[in-house]
Amino acid sequence: MEVLNSQSVREFVIKRGIPLSGSKLFKLSAKNLIPHRKAGGRLIFYSDEILEWCESQIINPSDTQLNRSIFESAQSKSKIK
């Protein structure tokens, strides 16, 4: 587990295909939407937690297709009534 600062967490996330500006990182941190800790007034991040977060941000196309088929099924059932 590697400890990352704000700049290195941005690079870490961007390498995984998720665009992340400095201001967006601070907004996510302020809203507790990204795993972080504060140490001496600075934000620190753990690489394993950030990797998990990155994976949770990626939409799986098969999940999207499954959700679409469930939605369409629910719509067709509501039309029958």
N, C-alpha and C. Protein backbone atom coordinates (compact mmCIF):
# COMPACT_ATOMS: atom_id res chain seq x y z
N MET A 1 0.85 -1.17 0.00
CA MET A 1 0.00 0.00 0.00
C MET A 1 0.90 1.24 0.00
N GLU A 2 0.71 2.04 -1.02
CA GLU A 2 1.51 3.25 -1.19
C GLU A 2 0.68 4.46 -0.77
N VAL A 3 1.30 5.42 -0.12
CA VAL A 3 0.63 6.66 0.25
C VAL A 3 0.86 7.68 -0.86
N LEU A 4 -0.23 8.30 -1.32
CA LEU A 4 -0.17 9.25 -2.43
C LEU A 4 -0.60 10.64 -1.98
N ASN A 5 0.02 11.66 -2.56
CA ASN A 5 -0.44 13.02 -2.32
C ASN A 5 -1.42 13.38 -3.44
N SER A 6 -1.93 14.60 -3.43
CA SER A 6 -2.94 15.01 -4.40
C SER A 6 -2.46 14.88 -5.84
N GLN A 7 -1.26 15.33 -6.11
CA GLN A 7 -0.73 15.27 -7.48
C GLN A 7 -0.54 13.82 -7.94
N SER A 8 0.02 12.99 -7.08
CA SER A 8 0.25 11.60 -7.50
C SER A 8 -1.05 10.81 -7.60
N VAL A 9 -2.06 11.15 -6.80
CA VAL A 9 -3.34 10.45 -6.94
C VAL A 9 -4.01 10.83 -8.27
N ARG A 10 -3.86 12.09 -8.69
CA ARG A 10 -4.40 12.50 -9.98
C ARG A 10 -3.73 11.71 -11.10
N GLU A 11 -2.42 11.60 -11.07
CA GLU A 11 -1.69 10.83 -12.09
C GLU A 11 -2.12 9.36 -12.07
N PHE A 12 -2.26 8.80 -10.88
CA PHE A 12 -2.67 7.41 -10.68
C PHE A 12 -4.04 7.16 -11.33
N VAL A 13 -4.98 8.06 -11.09
CA VAL A 13 -6.34 7.92 -11.60
C VAL A 13 -6.38 8.14 -13.11
N ILE A 14 -5.67 9.14 -13.59
CA ILE A 14 -5.64 9.44 -15.02
C ILE A 14 -5.05 8.28 -15.81
N LYS A 15 -4.02 7.62 -15.26
CA LYS A 15 -3.44 6.45 -15.93
C LYS A 15 -4.44 5.33 -16.09
N ARG A 16 -5.46 5.32 -15.26
CA ARG A 16 -6.49 4.29 -15.32
C ARG A 16 -7.70 4.73 -16.13
N GLY A 17 -7.53 5.83 -16.87
CA GLY A 17 -8.56 6.27 -17.81
C GLY A 17 -9.66 7.14 -17.25
N ILE A 18 -9.49 7.65 -16.05
CA ILE A 18 -10.51 8.49 -15.45
C ILE A 18 -9.96 9.92 -15.36
N PRO A 19 -10.54 10.85 -16.14
CA PRO A 19 -10.06 12.23 -16.08
C PRO A 19 -10.35 12.84 -14.71
N LEU A 20 -9.37 13.53 -14.15
CA LEU A 20 -9.55 14.11 -12.82
C LEU A 20 -8.68 15.35 -12.67
N SER A 21 -9.34 16.49 -12.58
CA SER A 21 -8.61 17.75 -12.37
C SER A 21 -8.36 17.92 -10.87
N GLY A 22 -7.49 18.84 -10.55
CA GLY A 22 -7.21 19.13 -9.15
C GLY A 22 -8.44 19.61 -8.41
N SER A 23 -9.21 20.51 -9.05
CA SER A 23 -10.41 21.02 -8.39
C SER A 23 -11.46 19.93 -8.19
N LYS A 24 -11.59 19.02 -9.15
CA LYS A 24 -12.54 17.91 -9.01
C LYS A 24 -12.12 16.98 -7.86
N LEU A 25 -10.81 16.75 -7.73
CA LEU A 25 -10.32 15.92 -6.65
C LEU A 25 -10.67 16.53 -5.29
N PHE A 26 -10.48 17.83 -5.16
CA PHE A 26 -10.80 18.48 -3.89
C PHE A 26 -12.30 18.49 -3.62
N LYS A 27 -13.12 18.63 -4.66
CA LYS A 27 -14.58 18.57 -4.48
C LYS A 27 -15.00 17.18 -4.03
N LEU A 28 -14.44 16.15 -4.67
CA LEU A 28 -14.77 14.78 -4.28
C LEU A 28 -14.35 14.51 -2.84
N SER A 29 -13.19 15.04 -2.45
CA SER A 29 -12.70 14.87 -1.08
C SER A 29 -13.60 15.58 -0.09
N ALA A 30 -14.00 16.80 -0.42
CA ALA A 30 -14.84 17.59 0.49
C ALA A 30 -16.19 16.92 0.72
N LYS A 31 -16.68 16.21 -0.30
CA LYS A 31 -17.97 15.53 -0.19
C LYS A 31 -17.82 14.07 0.25
N ASN A 32 -16.59 13.68 0.60
CA ASN A 32 -16.29 12.29 1.00
C ASN A 32 -16.71 11.27 -0.06
N LEU A 33 -16.51 11.62 -1.33
CA LEU A 33 -16.85 10.72 -2.42
C LEU A 33 -15.64 9.96 -2.96
N ILE A 34 -14.48 10.26 -2.41
CA ILE A 34 -13.26 9.54 -2.77
C ILE A 34 -12.54 9.24 -1.46
N PRO A 35 -12.00 8.04 -1.31
CA PRO A 35 -11.33 7.70 -0.04
C PRO A 35 -10.06 8.53 0.18
N HIS A 36 -9.99 9.16 1.33
CA HIS A 36 -8.85 10.01 1.66
C HIS A 36 -8.74 10.16 3.17
N ARG A 37 -7.64 10.76 3.58
CA ARG A 37 -7.41 11.09 4.98
C ARG A 37 -6.74 12.45 5.02
N LYS A 38 -6.78 13.08 6.16
CA LYS A 38 -6.09 14.35 6.32
C LYS A 38 -4.96 14.15 7.32
N ALA A 39 -3.81 14.69 6.97
CA ALA A 39 -2.65 14.62 7.85
C ALA A 39 -1.96 15.98 7.82
N GLY A 40 -1.97 16.64 8.94
CA GLY A 40 -1.33 17.95 9.00
C GLY A 40 -1.92 18.95 8.03
N GLY A 41 -3.22 18.90 7.81
CA GLY A 41 -3.88 19.82 6.89
C GLY A 41 -3.75 19.44 5.43
N ARG A 42 -3.12 18.32 5.14
CA ARG A 42 -2.96 17.85 3.75
C ARG A 42 -3.78 16.60 3.52
N LEU A 43 -4.20 16.44 2.29
CA LEU A 43 -4.92 15.23 1.92
C LEU A 43 -3.92 14.14 1.57
N ILE A 44 -4.18 12.94 2.07
CA ILE A 44 -3.38 11.78 1.66
C ILE A 44 -4.33 10.68 1.22
N PHE A 45 -3.84 9.85 0.34
CA PHE A 45 -4.64 8.79 -0.25
C PHE A 45 -3.82 7.50 -0.22
N TYR A 46 -4.50 6.37 -0.06
CA TYR A 46 -3.84 5.07 -0.13
C TYR A 46 -4.14 4.44 -1.48
N SER A 47 -3.10 3.99 -2.14
CA SER A 47 -3.21 3.50 -3.52
C SER A 47 -4.23 2.37 -3.66
N ASP A 48 -4.28 1.45 -2.70
CA ASP A 48 -5.23 0.34 -2.83
C ASP A 48 -6.69 0.83 -2.75
N GLU A 49 -6.95 1.82 -1.91
CA GLU A 49 -8.31 2.38 -1.81
C GLU A 49 -8.66 3.16 -3.08
N ILE A 50 -7.70 3.87 -3.63
CA ILE A 50 -7.94 4.63 -4.86
C ILE A 50 -8.16 3.68 -6.04
N LEU A 51 -7.43 2.58 -6.09
CA LEU A 51 -7.63 1.60 -7.15
C LEU A 51 -9.05 1.03 -7.08
N GLU A 52 -9.50 0.71 -5.89
CA GLU A 52 -10.88 0.23 -5.70
C GLU A 52 -11.88 1.27 -6.16
N TRP A 53 -11.62 2.53 -5.79
CA TRP A 53 -12.51 3.62 -6.19
C TRP A 53 -12.55 3.74 -7.71
N CYS A 54 -11.39 3.65 -8.36
CA CYS A 54 -11.33 3.72 -9.82
C CYS A 54 -12.18 2.64 -10.45
N GLU A 55 -12.07 1.45 -9.94
CA GLU A 55 -12.83 0.32 -10.49
C GLU A 55 -14.33 0.54 -10.30
N SER A 56 -14.71 1.19 -9.21
CA SER A 56 -16.14 1.45 -8.97
C SER A 56 -16.68 2.54 -9.89
N GLN A 57 -15.81 3.34 -10.48
CA GLN A 57 -16.24 4.43 -11.36
C GLN A 57 -16.44 3.98 -12.80
N ILE A 58 -15.96 2.80 -13.14
CA ILE A 58 -16.04 2.30 -14.50
C ILE A 58 -17.34 1.51 -14.66
N ILE A 59 -18.10 1.89 -15.66
CA ILE A 59 -19.38 1.22 -15.93
C ILE A 59 -19.10 -0.01 -16.78
N ASN A 60 -19.59 -1.13 -16.33
CA ASN A 60 -19.43 -2.38 -17.06
C ASN A 60 -20.53 -2.45 -18.12
N PRO A 61 -20.18 -2.53 -19.41
CA PRO A 61 -21.19 -2.56 -20.47
C PRO A 61 -22.21 -3.68 -20.29
N SER A 62 -21.79 -4.83 -19.79
CA SER A 62 -22.74 -5.93 -19.60
C SER A 62 -23.74 -5.58 -18.50
N ASP A 63 -23.30 -4.86 -17.48
CA ASP A 63 -24.22 -4.40 -16.43
C ASP A 63 -25.23 -3.42 -17.01
N THR A 64 -24.76 -2.55 -17.90
CA THR A 64 -25.65 -1.58 -18.52
C THR A 64 -26.70 -2.29 -19.36
N GLN A 65 -26.29 -3.29 -20.11
CA GLN A 65 -27.23 -4.06 -20.92
C GLN A 65 -28.24 -4.78 -20.03
N LEU A 66 -27.77 -5.36 -18.94
CA LEU A 66 -28.65 -6.05 -18.00
C LEU A 66 -29.66 -5.07 -17.42
N ASN A 67 -29.20 -3.90 -17.00
CA ASN A 67 -30.10 -2.89 -16.45
C ASN A 67 -31.12 -2.44 -17.48
N ARG A 68 -30.69 -2.30 -18.74
CA ARG A 68 -31.61 -1.89 -19.80
C ARG A 68 -32.69 -2.95 -20.01
N SER A 69 -32.31 -4.21 -20.00
CA SER A 69 -33.30 -5.26 -20.22
C SER A 69 -34.28 -5.35 -19.05
N ILE A 70 -33.80 -5.14 -17.84
CA ILE A 70 -34.70 -5.13 -16.67
C ILE A 70 -35.67 -3.96 -16.77
N PHE A 71 -35.15 -2.79 -17.15
CA PHE A 71 -35.99 -1.60 -17.31
C PHE A 71 -37.06 -1.83 -18.37
N GLU A 72 -36.67 -2.38 -19.53
CA GLU A 72 -37.62 -2.63 -20.60
C GLU A 72 -38.68 -3.65 -20.18
N SER A 73 -38.27 -4.65 -19.43
CA SER A 73 -39.20 -5.66 -18.93
C SER A 73 -40.21 -5.02 -17.99
N ALA A 74 -39.73 -4.17 -17.11
CA ALA A 74 -40.63 -3.49 -16.16
C ALA A 74 -41.59 -2.58 -16.89
N GLN A 75 -41.12 -1.91 -17.93
CA GLN A 75 -42.00 -1.03 -18.71
C GLN A 75 -43.09 -1.83 -19.39
N SER A 76 -42.73 -2.96 -20.00
CA SER A 76 -43.73 -3.75 -20.72
C SER A 76 -44.76 -4.32 -19.75
N LYS A 77 -44.35 -4.67 -18.54
CA LYS A 77 -45.30 -5.18 -17.54
C LYS A 77 -46.24 -4.08 -17.08
N SER A 78 -45.76 -2.86 -16.97
CA SER A 78 -46.63 -1.76 -16.52
C SER A 78 -47.64 -1.39 -17.59
N LYS A 79 -47.32 -1.64 -18.88
CA LYS A 79 -48.26 -1.35 -19.97
C LYS A 79 -49.39 -2.36 -20.01
N ILE A 80 -49.13 -3.58 -19.53
CA ILE A 80 -50.14 -4.64 -19.56
C ILE A 80 -51.29 -4.33 -18.61
N LYS A 81 -50.99 -3.70 -17.49
CA LYS A 81 -52.03 -3.42 -16.48
C LYS A 81 -53.01 -2.41 -16.91
